[in-house]
C-alpha atoms as a PDB file:
ATOM      1  CA  MET A   1       6.946  21.540-177.489  1.00  0.00           C
ATOM      2  CA  GLN A   2       5.635  18.588-179.478  1.00  0.00           C
ATOM      3  CA  GLY A   3       8.000  15.921-178.220  1.00  0.00           C
ATOM      4  CA  PHE A   4      10.858  14.996-175.933  1.00  0.00           C
ATOM      5  CA  ASN A   5      14.133  16.549-177.108  1.00  0.00           C
ATOM      6  CA  THR A   6      16.430  13.763-178.242  1.00  0.00           C
ATOM      7  CA  GLN A   7      19.548  15.738-177.263  1.00  0.00           C
ATOM      8  CA  CYS A   8      18.572  15.468-173.602  1.00  0.00           C
ATOM      9  CA  LYS A   9      18.396  11.706-173.243  1.00  0.00           C
ATOM     10  CA  SER A  10      21.305   9.503-172.199  1.00  0.00           C
ATOM     11  CA  GLU A  11      22.084   6.098-170.800  1.00  0.00           C
ATOM     12  CA  PRO A  12      21.504   5.889-167.023  1.00  0.00           C
ATOM     13  CA  THR A  13      24.457   6.916-164.909  1.00  0.00           C
ATOM     14  CA  PRO A  14      25.663   3.974-162.747  1.00  0.00           C
ATOM     15  CA  ARG A  15      24.053   4.426-159.359  1.00  0.00           C
ATOM     16  CA  ASN A  16      27.318   4.033-157.403  1.00  0.00           C
ATOM     17  CA  ILE A  17      29.498   6.357-159.500  1.00  0.00           C
ATOM     18  CA  GLY A  18      30.713   9.702-158.217  1.00  0.00           C
ATOM     19  CA  GLU A  19      31.547  11.332-154.898  1.00  0.00           C
ATOM     20  CA  LYS A  20      28.628  11.669-152.520  1.00  0.00           C
ATOM     21  CA  ARG A  21      27.964  15.229-151.434  1.00  0.00           C
ATOM     22  CA  ARG A  22      25.817  16.520-148.567  1.00  0.00           C
ATOM     23  CA  VAL A  23      24.290  19.953-149.112  1.00  0.00           C
ATOM     24  CA  HIS A  24      22.665  21.830-146.248  1.00  0.00           C
ATOM     25  CA  VAL A  25      19.453  23.594-147.269  1.00  0.00           C
ATOM     26  CA  LYS A  26      17.144  26.037-145.516  1.00  0.00           C
ATOM     27  CA  ILE A  27      13.491  26.639-146.336  1.00  0.00           C
ATOM     28  CA  ASN A  28      12.344  30.100-145.253  1.00  0.00           C
ATOM     29  CA  VAL A  29       8.640  30.840-144.782  1.00  0.00           C
ATOM     30  CA  VAL A  30       7.775  34.129-146.513  1.00  0.00           C
ATOM     31  CA  SER A  31       3.969  33.917-146.401  1.00  0.00           C
ATOM     32  CA  GLU A  32       1.976  34.764-143.286  1.00  0.00           C
ATOM     33  CA  TYR A  33       1.298  31.075-142.597  1.00  0.00           C
ATOM     34  CA  PHE A  34       2.693  27.710-143.646  1.00  0.00           C
ATOM     35  CA  HIS A  35       1.172  24.286-143.026  1.00  0.00           C
ATOM     36  CA  VAL A  36       2.121  20.741-144.013  1.00  0.00           C
ATOM     37  CA  SER A  37       0.182  17.809-142.629  1.00  0.00           C
ATOM     38  CA  GLN A  38      -0.072  14.102-143.310  1.00  0.00           C
ATOM     39  CA  ASN A  39      -3.707  14.314-142.169  1.00  0.00           C
ATOM     40  CA  PRO A  40      -5.047  17.425-143.894  1.00  0.00           C
ATOM     41  CA  LYS A  41      -8.656  17.045-142.742  1.00  0.00           C
ATOM     42  CA  PRO A  42      -9.965  17.261-139.168  1.00  0.00           C
ATOM     43  CA  MET A  43     -11.340  14.078-137.674  1.00  0.00           C
ATOM     44  CA  PRO A  44     -15.143  13.732-137.455  1.00  0.00           C
ATOM     45  CA  LEU A  45     -16.841  15.272-134.446  1.00  0.00           C
ATOM     46  CA  ILE A  46     -17.604  12.918-131.606  1.00  0.00           C
ATOM     47  CA  GLU A  47     -21.104  11.501-131.831  1.00  0.00           C
ATOM     48  CA  GLU A  48     -21.533  10.117-128.343  1.00  0.00           C
ATOM     49  CA  LYS A  49     -20.619  12.514-125.548  1.00  0.00           C
ATOM     50  CA  ASN A  50     -22.624  10.780-122.808  1.00  0.00           C
ATOM     51  CA  VAL A  51     -19.952   9.441-120.462  1.00  0.00           C
ATOM     52  CA  ASN A  52     -22.467   7.262-118.563  1.00  0.00           C
ATOM     53  CA  ALA A  53     -23.578   5.617-121.812  1.00  0.00           C
ATOM     54  CA  ILE A  54     -19.963   4.827-122.714  1.00  0.00           C
ATOM     55  CA  ILE A  55     -19.308   3.320-119.248  1.00  0.00           C
ATOM     56  CA  SER A  56     -22.519   1.279-119.417  1.00  0.00           C
ATOM     57  CA  GLN A  57     -21.596  -0.058-122.839  1.00  0.00           C
ATOM     58  CA  PHE A  58     -18.163  -1.076-121.569  1.00  0.00           C
ATOM     59  CA  LEU A  59     -19.598  -2.820-118.466  1.00  0.00           C
ATOM     60  CA  GLN A  60     -22.084  -4.780-120.589  1.00  0.00           C
ATOM     61  CA  SER A  61     -19.839  -5.830-123.451  1.00  0.00           C
ATOM     62  CA  GLY A  62     -16.271  -5.303-122.277  1.00  0.00           C
ATOM     63  CA  ARG A  63     -15.685  -2.734-124.996  1.00  0.00           C
ATOM     64  CA  ALA A  64     -16.879   0.725-125.942  1.00  0.00           C
ATOM     65  CA  ASN A  65     -16.794   2.802-129.106  1.00  0.00           C
ATOM     66  CA  VAL A  66     -15.040   6.011-128.170  1.00  0.00           C
ATOM     67  CA  PHE A  67     -14.344   8.595-130.863  1.00  0.00           C
ATOM     68  CA  VAL A  68     -11.825  11.298-130.107  1.00  0.00           C
ATOM     69  CA  GLU A  69     -12.384  14.733-131.570  1.00  0.00           C
ATOM     70  CA  ARG A  70      -9.195  16.386-132.832  1.00  0.00           C
ATOM     71  CA  ASP A  71      -9.204  20.045-131.833  1.00  0.00           C
ATOM     72  CA  ALA A  72      -6.877  21.123-134.662  1.00  0.00           C
ATOM     73  CA  VAL A  73      -5.170  19.940-137.830  1.00  0.00           C
ATOM     74  CA  TYR A  74      -1.615  19.582-136.601  1.00  0.00           C
ATOM     75  CA  PHE A  75       1.628  20.196-138.448  1.00  0.00           C
ATOM     76  CA  THR A  76       3.614  17.074-139.337  1.00  0.00           C
ATOM     77  CA  ARG A  77       5.895  16.002-136.500  1.00  0.00           C
ATOM     78  CA  VAL A  78       8.743  13.612-135.903  1.00  0.00           C
ATOM     79  CA  GLY A  79       8.853  13.201-132.155  1.00  0.00           C
ATOM     80  CA  GLU A  80       8.373  16.705-130.789  1.00  0.00           C
ATOM     81  CA  ASP A  81       9.809  18.443-133.842  1.00  0.00           C
ATOM     82  CA  LEU A  82       7.732  20.112-136.544  1.00  0.00           C
ATOM     83  CA  VAL A  83       9.044  18.932-139.913  1.00  0.00           C
ATOM     84  CA  ILE A  84       8.449  19.210-143.618  1.00  0.00           C
ATOM     85  CA  PRO A  85       8.665  15.552-144.693  1.00  0.00           C
ATOM     86  CA  ALA A  86      11.480  14.601-147.038  1.00  0.00           C
ATOM     87  CA  ASN A  87       9.043  13.445-149.716  1.00  0.00           C
ATOM     88  CA  THR A  88       7.243  16.806-149.667  1.00  0.00           C
ATOM     89  CA  VAL A  89      10.468  18.679-150.420  1.00  0.00           C
ATOM     90  CA  ARG A  90      11.680  16.111-152.936  1.00  0.00           C
ATOM     91  CA  GLY A  91       8.312  16.136-154.695  1.00  0.00           C
ATOM     92  CA  ALA A  92       8.234  19.928-154.901  1.00  0.00           C
ATOM     93  CA  VAL A  93      11.680  20.067-156.511  1.00  0.00           C
ATOM     94  CA  ARG A  94      11.055  17.233-158.945  1.00  0.00           C
ATOM     95  CA  ALA A  95       7.599  18.488-159.933  1.00  0.00           C
ATOM     96  CA  ARG A  96       9.011  21.830-161.058  1.00  0.00           C
ATOM     97  CA  LEU A  97      11.635  20.160-163.192  1.00  0.00           C
ATOM     98  CA  GLU A  98       9.082  17.831-164.762  1.00  0.00           C
ATOM     99  CA  VAL A  99       6.709  20.642-165.676  1.00  0.00           C
ATOM    100  CA  LEU A 100       9.145  23.452-166.541  1.00  0.00           C
ATOM    101  CA  PHE A 101      12.120  21.591-168.091  1.00  0.00           C
ATOM    102  CA  ASP A 102      11.418  20.309-171.599  1.00  0.00           C
ATOM    103  CA  CYS A 103      14.162  17.693-171.231  1.00  0.00           C
ATOM    104  CA  SER A 104      11.974  15.899-168.693  1.00  0.00           C
ATOM    105  CA  CYS A 105      10.121  12.952-170.209  1.00  0.00           C
ATOM    106  CA  TYR A 106       7.210  13.183-167.771  1.00  0.00           C
ATOM    107  CA  ASN A 107       3.872  14.130-169.300  1.00  0.00           C
ATOM    108  CA  SER A 108       2.281  16.240-166.571  1.00  0.00           C
ATOM    109  CA  LEU A 109      -1.102  16.211-168.314  1.00  0.00           C
ATOM    110  CA  GLY A 110      -1.290  12.440-168.728  1.00  0.00           C
ATOM    111  CA  ASN A 111      -2.787  10.762-171.750  1.00  0.00           C
ATOM    112  CA  ARG A 112      -6.069  12.628-171.447  1.00  0.00           C
ATOM    113  CA  PRO A 113      -6.906  16.082-170.076  1.00  0.00           C
ATOM    114  CA  SER A 114      -7.601  15.968-166.331  1.00  0.00           C
ATOM    115  CA  THR A 115     -10.771  17.441-164.890  1.00  0.00           C
ATOM    116  CA  THR A 116      -9.294  17.821-161.396  1.00  0.00           C
ATOM    117  CA  ILE A 117      -6.221  20.016-162.008  1.00  0.00           C
ATOM    118  CA  SER A 118      -6.465  23.312-160.120  1.00  0.00           C
ATOM    119  CA  ARG A 119      -7.289  26.325-162.286  1.00  0.00           C
ATOM    120  CA  LYS A 120      -4.673  28.360-160.413  1.00  0.00           C
ATOM    121  CA  TYR A 121      -2.073  25.631-161.033  1.00  0.00           C
ATOM    122  CA  LYS A 122      -2.749  25.798-164.765  1.00  0.00           C
ATOM    123  CA  GLU A 123      -2.576  29.594-164.740  1.00  0.00           C
ATOM    124  CA  ILE A 124       0.819  29.554-163.019  1.00  0.00           C
ATOM    125  CA  PHE A 125       2.631  26.586-164.552  1.00  0.00           C
ATOM    126  CA  ARG A 126       0.902  26.383-167.955  1.00  0.00           C
ATOM    127  CA  PRO A 127       1.649  22.652-168.319  1.00  0.00           C
ATOM    128  CA  ARG A 128       2.245  21.448-171.860  1.00  0.00           C
ATOM    129  CA  ARG A 129       1.513  18.047-173.317  1.00  0.00           C
ATOM    130  CA  LYS A 130       4.596  16.036-174.231  1.00  0.00           C
ATOM    131  CA  TYR A 131       4.812  13.148-176.645  1.00  0.00           C
ATOM    132  CA  SER A 132       7.872  11.312-175.419  1.00  0.00           C
ATOM    133  CA  ASP A 133      10.017   8.744-177.174  1.00  0.00           C
ATOM    134  CA  ASP A 134       9.996   5.235-175.740  1.00  0.00           C
ATOM    135  CA  LEU A 135      13.088   5.792-173.632  1.00  0.00           C
ATOM    136  CA  GLU A 136      12.760   2.513-171.730  1.00  0.00           C
ATOM    137  CA  ARG A 137      12.869   0.534-174.967  1.00  0.00           C
ATOM    138  CA  GLU A 138      15.962   2.468-176.043  1.00  0.00           C
ATOM    139  CA  GLY A 139      17.670   2.010-172.677  1.00  0.00           C
ATOM    140  CA  LYS A 140      17.811   5.792-172.190  1.00  0.00           C
ATOM    141  CA  VAL A 141      16.558   8.179-169.494  1.00  0.00           C
ATOM    142  CA  CYS A 142      15.866  11.886-169.262  1.00  0.00           C
ATOM    143  CA  PRO A 143      18.034  14.067-166.938  1.00  0.00           C
ATOM    144  CA  VAL A 144      15.346  14.257-164.243  1.00  0.00           C
ATOM    145  CA  CYS A 145      14.790  10.497-164.047  1.00  0.00           C
ATOM    146  CA  ASN A 146      18.549   9.949-164.119  1.00  0.00           C
ATOM    147  CA  VAL A 147      18.802  11.870-160.831  1.00  0.00           C
ATOM    148  CA  PHE A 148      15.490  11.189-159.072  1.00  0.00           C
ATOM    149  CA  GLY A 149      14.959   7.659-160.360  1.00  0.00           C
ATOM    150  CA  THR A 150      12.054   5.986-162.100  1.00  0.00           C
ATOM    151  CA  ALA A 151      10.516   2.517-162.413  1.00  0.00           C
ATOM    152  CA  GLY A 152      13.385   0.022-162.261  1.00  0.00           C
ATOM    153  CA  LEU A 153      15.998   2.740-161.690  1.00  0.00           C
ATOM    154  CA  ALA A 154      17.109   3.771-158.196  1.00  0.00           C
ATOM    155  CA  SER A 155      17.418   7.406-157.202  1.00  0.00           C
ATOM    156  CA  ARG A 156      20.826   9.037-156.866  1.00  0.00           C
ATOM    157  CA  ILE A 157      19.570  11.758-154.533  1.00  0.00           C
ATOM    158  CA  THR A 158      18.183  11.677-150.984  1.00  0.00           C
ATOM    159  CA  PHE A 159      16.333  14.346-149.008  1.00  0.00           C
ATOM    160  CA  THR A 160      16.126  14.392-145.216  1.00  0.00           C
ATOM    161  CA  ASP A 161      13.139  15.715-143.294  1.00  0.00           C
ATOM    162  CA  PHE A 162      13.357  19.478-142.809  1.00  0.00           C
ATOM    163  CA  LYS A 163      13.128  20.411-139.133  1.00  0.00           C
ATOM    164  CA  LEU A 164      11.814  23.712-137.767  1.00  0.00           C
ATOM    165  CA  THR A 165      14.840  25.490-136.294  1.00  0.00           C
ATOM    166  CA  ALA A 166      13.557  29.050-135.895  1.00  0.00           C
ATOM    167  CA  GLY A 167      10.263  30.880-135.849  1.00  0.00           C
ATOM    168  CA  LYS A 168       6.878  30.779-134.213  1.00  0.00           C
ATOM    169  CA  VAL A 169       4.016  28.286-134.201  1.00  0.00           C
ATOM    170  CA  ASP A 170       0.447  29.559-134.122  1.00  0.00           C
ATOM    171  CA  TYR A 171      -3.136  28.432-134.791  1.00  0.00           C
ATOM    172  CA  VAL A 172      -5.408  29.942-137.433  1.00  0.00           C
ATOM    173  CA  ASN A 173      -8.984  29.281-138.456  1.00  0.00           C
ATOM    174  CA  VAL A 174      -9.539  28.345-142.090  1.00  0.00           C
ATOM    175  CA  GLN A 175     -13.061  27.565-143.263  1.00  0.00           C
ATOM    176  CA  GLY A 176     -14.161  26.653-139.754  1.00  0.00           C
ATOM    177  CA  PHE A 177     -11.190  24.399-138.962  1.00  0.00           C
ATOM    178  CA  THR A 178      -8.174  25.230-136.813  1.00  0.00           C
ATOM    179  CA  TYR A 179      -4.759  24.643-138.382  1.00  0.00           C
ATOM    180  CA  GLU A 180      -1.415  24.577-136.619  1.00  0.00           C
ATOM    181  CA  VAL A 181       0.955  26.729-138.679  1.00  0.00           C
ATOM    182  CA  ALA A 182       4.499  28.011-138.824  1.00  0.00           C
ATOM    183  CA  THR A 183       4.379  31.779-139.195  1.00  0.00           C
ATOM    184  CA  LYS A 184       6.265  34.189-141.442  1.00  0.00           C
ATOM    185  CA  GLY A 185      10.008  34.171-140.784  1.00  0.00           C
ATOM    186  CA  SER A 186      10.103  30.538-139.648  1.00  0.00           C
ATOM    187  CA  VAL A 187      13.019  28.446-140.903  1.00  0.00           C
ATOM    188  CA  PHE A 188      13.199  24.719-141.652  1.00  0.00           C
ATOM    189  CA  GLU A 189      16.559  23.023-142.211  1.00  0.00           C
ATOM    190  CA  GLY A 190      17.599  19.735-143.757  1.00  0.00           C
ATOM    191  CA  ASP A 191      20.100  18.089-146.075  1.00  0.00           C
ATOM    192  CA  VAL A 192      20.172  16.864-149.644  1.00  0.00           C
ATOM    193  CA  ILE A 193      22.624  14.041-150.346  1.00  0.00           C
ATOM    194  CA  GLY A 194      23.621  12.777-153.771  1.00  0.00           C
ATOM    195  CA  ASN A 195      26.432  11.552-155.993  1.00  0.00           C
ATOM    196  CA  LEU A 196      25.606  13.989-158.778  1.00  0.00           C
ATOM    197  CA  SER A 197      27.582  15.835-161.406  1.00  0.00           C
ATOM    198  CA  ARG A 198      28.028  19.588-161.183  1.00  0.00           C
ATOM    199  CA  GLU A 199      25.399  20.090-163.888  1.00  0.00           C
ATOM    200  CA  GLU A 200      22.936  17.840-162.064  1.00  0.00           C
ATOM    201  CA  TRP A 201      23.373  19.794-158.832  1.00  0.00           C
ATOM    202  CA  GLY A 202      22.686  22.933-160.845  1.00  0.00           C
ATOM    203  CA  MET A 203      19.474  21.337-162.127  1.00  0.00           C
ATOM    204  CA  VAL A 204      18.368  20.467-158.578  1.00  0.00           C
ATOM    205  CA  LEU A 205      18.893  24.053-157.412  1.00  0.00           C
ATOM    206  CA  TRP A 206      16.910  25.299-160.406  1.00  0.00           C
ATOM    207  CA  GLY A 207      14.082  23.036-159.204  1.00  0.00           C
ATOM    208  CA  MET A 208      14.375  24.807-155.841  1.00  0.00           C
ATOM    209  CA  GLY A 209      13.676  28.149-157.478  1.00  0.00           C
ATOM    210  CA  CYS A 210      17.207  29.403-158.116  1.00  0.00           C
ATOM    211  CA  ARG A 211      17.134  31.893-161.004  1.00  0.00           C
ATOM    212  CA  LYS A 212      20.224  33.826-162.124  1.00  0.00           C
ATOM    213  CA  GLY A 213      21.899  33.114-158.788  1.00  0.00           C
ATOM    214  CA  LYS A 214      18.978  34.189-156.562  1.00  0.00           C
ATOM    215  CA  PHE A 215      16.249  32.072-154.984  1.00  0.00           C
ATOM    216  CA  ARG A 216      12.680  33.047-155.780  1.00  0.00           C
ATOM    217  CA  VAL A 217       9.398  32.257-154.042  1.00  0.00           C
ATOM    218  CA  VAL A 218       8.055  28.761-154.646  1.00  0.00           C
ATOM    219  CA  LEU A 219       4.724  27.312-153.566  1.00  0.00           C
ATOM    220  CA  MET A 220       4.664  24.460-151.069  1.00  0.00           C
ATOM    221  CA  GLY A 221       2.227  23.106-148.523  1.00  0.00           C
ATOM    222  CA  ARG A 222      -1.475  23.445-147.784  1.00  0.00           C
ATOM    223  CA  PHE A 223      -3.653  26.031-149.581  1.00  0.00           C
ATOM    224  CA  LYS A 224      -0.943  26.956-152.098  1.00  0.00           C
ATOM    225  CA  PHE A 225      -3.501  27.469-154.859  1.00  0.00           C
ATOM    226  CA  GLN A 226      -6.340  28.684-152.637  1.00  0.00           C
ATOM    227  CA  ARG A 227      -4.971  31.390-150.308  1.00  0.00           C
ATOM    228  CA  ARG A 228      -2.416  34.153-150.777  1.00  0.00           C
ATOM    229  CA  ASP A 229      -1.468  34.167-147.079  1.00  0.00           C
ATOM    230  CA  PHE A 230      -0.287  30.511-147.132  1.00  0.00           C
ATOM    231  CA  ALA A 231       2.327  28.261-148.723  1.00  0.00           C
ATOM    232  CA  ARG A 232       5.087  30.594-149.945  1.00  0.00           C
ATOM    233  CA  VAL A 233       8.680  29.682-149.178  1.00  0.00           C
ATOM    234  CA  LYS A 234      12.201  30.430-150.373  1.00  0.00           C
ATOM    235  CA  PHE A 235      14.982  27.867-150.461  1.00  0.00           C
ATOM    236  CA  GLU A 236      18.436  28.913-149.289  1.00  0.00           C
ATOM    237  CA  VAL A 237      21.735  27.229-150.174  1.00  0.00           C
ATOM    238  CA  ASN A 238      24.908  28.927-148.960  1.00  0.00           C
ATOM    239  CA  ASP A 239      27.220  27.257-151.452  1.00  0.00           C
ATOM    240  CA  GLN A 240      28.416  29.650-154.154  1.00  0.00           C
ATOM    241  CA  ASP A 241      29.892  26.827-156.214  1.00  0.00           C
ATOM    242  CA  LEU A 242      26.488  25.138-156.520  1.00  0.00           C
ATOM    243  CA  ILE A 243      24.750  28.453-157.199  1.00  0.00           C
ATOM    244  CA  SER A 244      27.252  29.046-160.010  1.00  0.00           C
ATOM    245  CA  ALA A 245      26.491  25.539-161.275  1.00  0.00           C
ATOM    246  CA  CYS A 246      22.800  26.469-161.377  1.00  0.00           C
ATOM    247  CA  VAL A 247      23.556  29.605-163.407  1.00  0.00           C
ATOM    248  CA  GLU A 248      25.561  27.474-165.847  1.00  0.00           C
ATOM    249  CA  PHE A 249      22.721  24.950-166.098  1.00  0.00           C
ATOM    250  CA  GLU A 250      20.221  27.733-166.696  1.00  0.00           C
ATOM    251  CA  THR A 251      22.385  29.193-169.464  1.00  0.00           C
ATOM    252  CA  LYS A 252      23.078  25.860-171.178  1.00  0.00           C
ATOM    253  CA  TYR A 253      19.432  24.778-171.240  1.00  0.00           C
ATOM    254  CA  SER A 254      17.813  28.176-171.675  1.00  0.00           C
ATOM    255  CA  ASN A 255      15.895  26.977-174.748  1.00  0.00           C
ATOM    256  CA  TYR A 256      14.324  24.142-172.742  1.00  0.00           C
ATOM    257  CA  LEU A 257      13.422  25.942-169.507  1.00  0.00           C
ATOM    258  CA  HIS A 258      10.178  27.812-168.830  1.00  0.00           C
ATOM    259  CA  ASP A 259      10.266  30.363-166.040  1.00  0.00           C
ATOM    260  CA  VAL A 260       7.031  31.178-164.183  1.00  0.00           C
ATOM    261  CA  GLU A 261       5.973  33.491-161.354  1.00  0.00           C
ATOM    262  CA  GLU A 262       4.694  31.384-158.454  1.00  0.00           C
ATOM    263  CA  ASP A 263       4.101  34.276-156.055  1.00  0.00           C
ATOM    264  CA  TRP A 264       0.587  34.861-157.395  1.00  0.00           C
ATOM    265  CA  LYS A 265      -1.450  37.860-156.311  1.00  0.00           C
END
């Protein structure tokens, strides 16, 4: 595709128009391990382990430099609950639409080729360079920005954190570091809230991996491009009306959608 398709753009939908709908969503772990963390790297090892030296320093100066060694890279938590943060889920859905839906105005490759994009990412998603119209100057937006928002335009969709509701937590060693993980079969649940049209809900489900009425494996979380035993999940939405809306969206925009296989071997 050499440019943004002009048939896709429209004036922004008023942010307060439409009936707000809450959709319950499950994320099922299908890989052996799954990890999401706001602090992906272990803290540095403690340098001073001499307790007497620490006490002496405190007695002399009233303060002491104490470094705590983290024994594992922990899963993201809210209180005591393991969660996939709302922004992680939202970002995963939007990113797929921006890369795989030609009606998106976002140029995933930027103005110049990046030297840091994962080779595996490029093999899977095959990002294409887009040369978009100046939509802001025209007062128009693409379908993805119209739902998720952009600079100067509020979002019409909200994701909650996704809380672990079933499954097992374990610890695995990866490259010498211990990671807290949710294991295969674990389930995270949350809600997606938005005042969207039927077609827009269909688009959101497509971004979740819904293809021809069935949800496929999508990559999410740590090591998704490095290890085959990590980062594979399936979304689940038990709403046949929205699944039908996704099928309709997929049919209508078939010339602008690029399907890929994320469950790489």
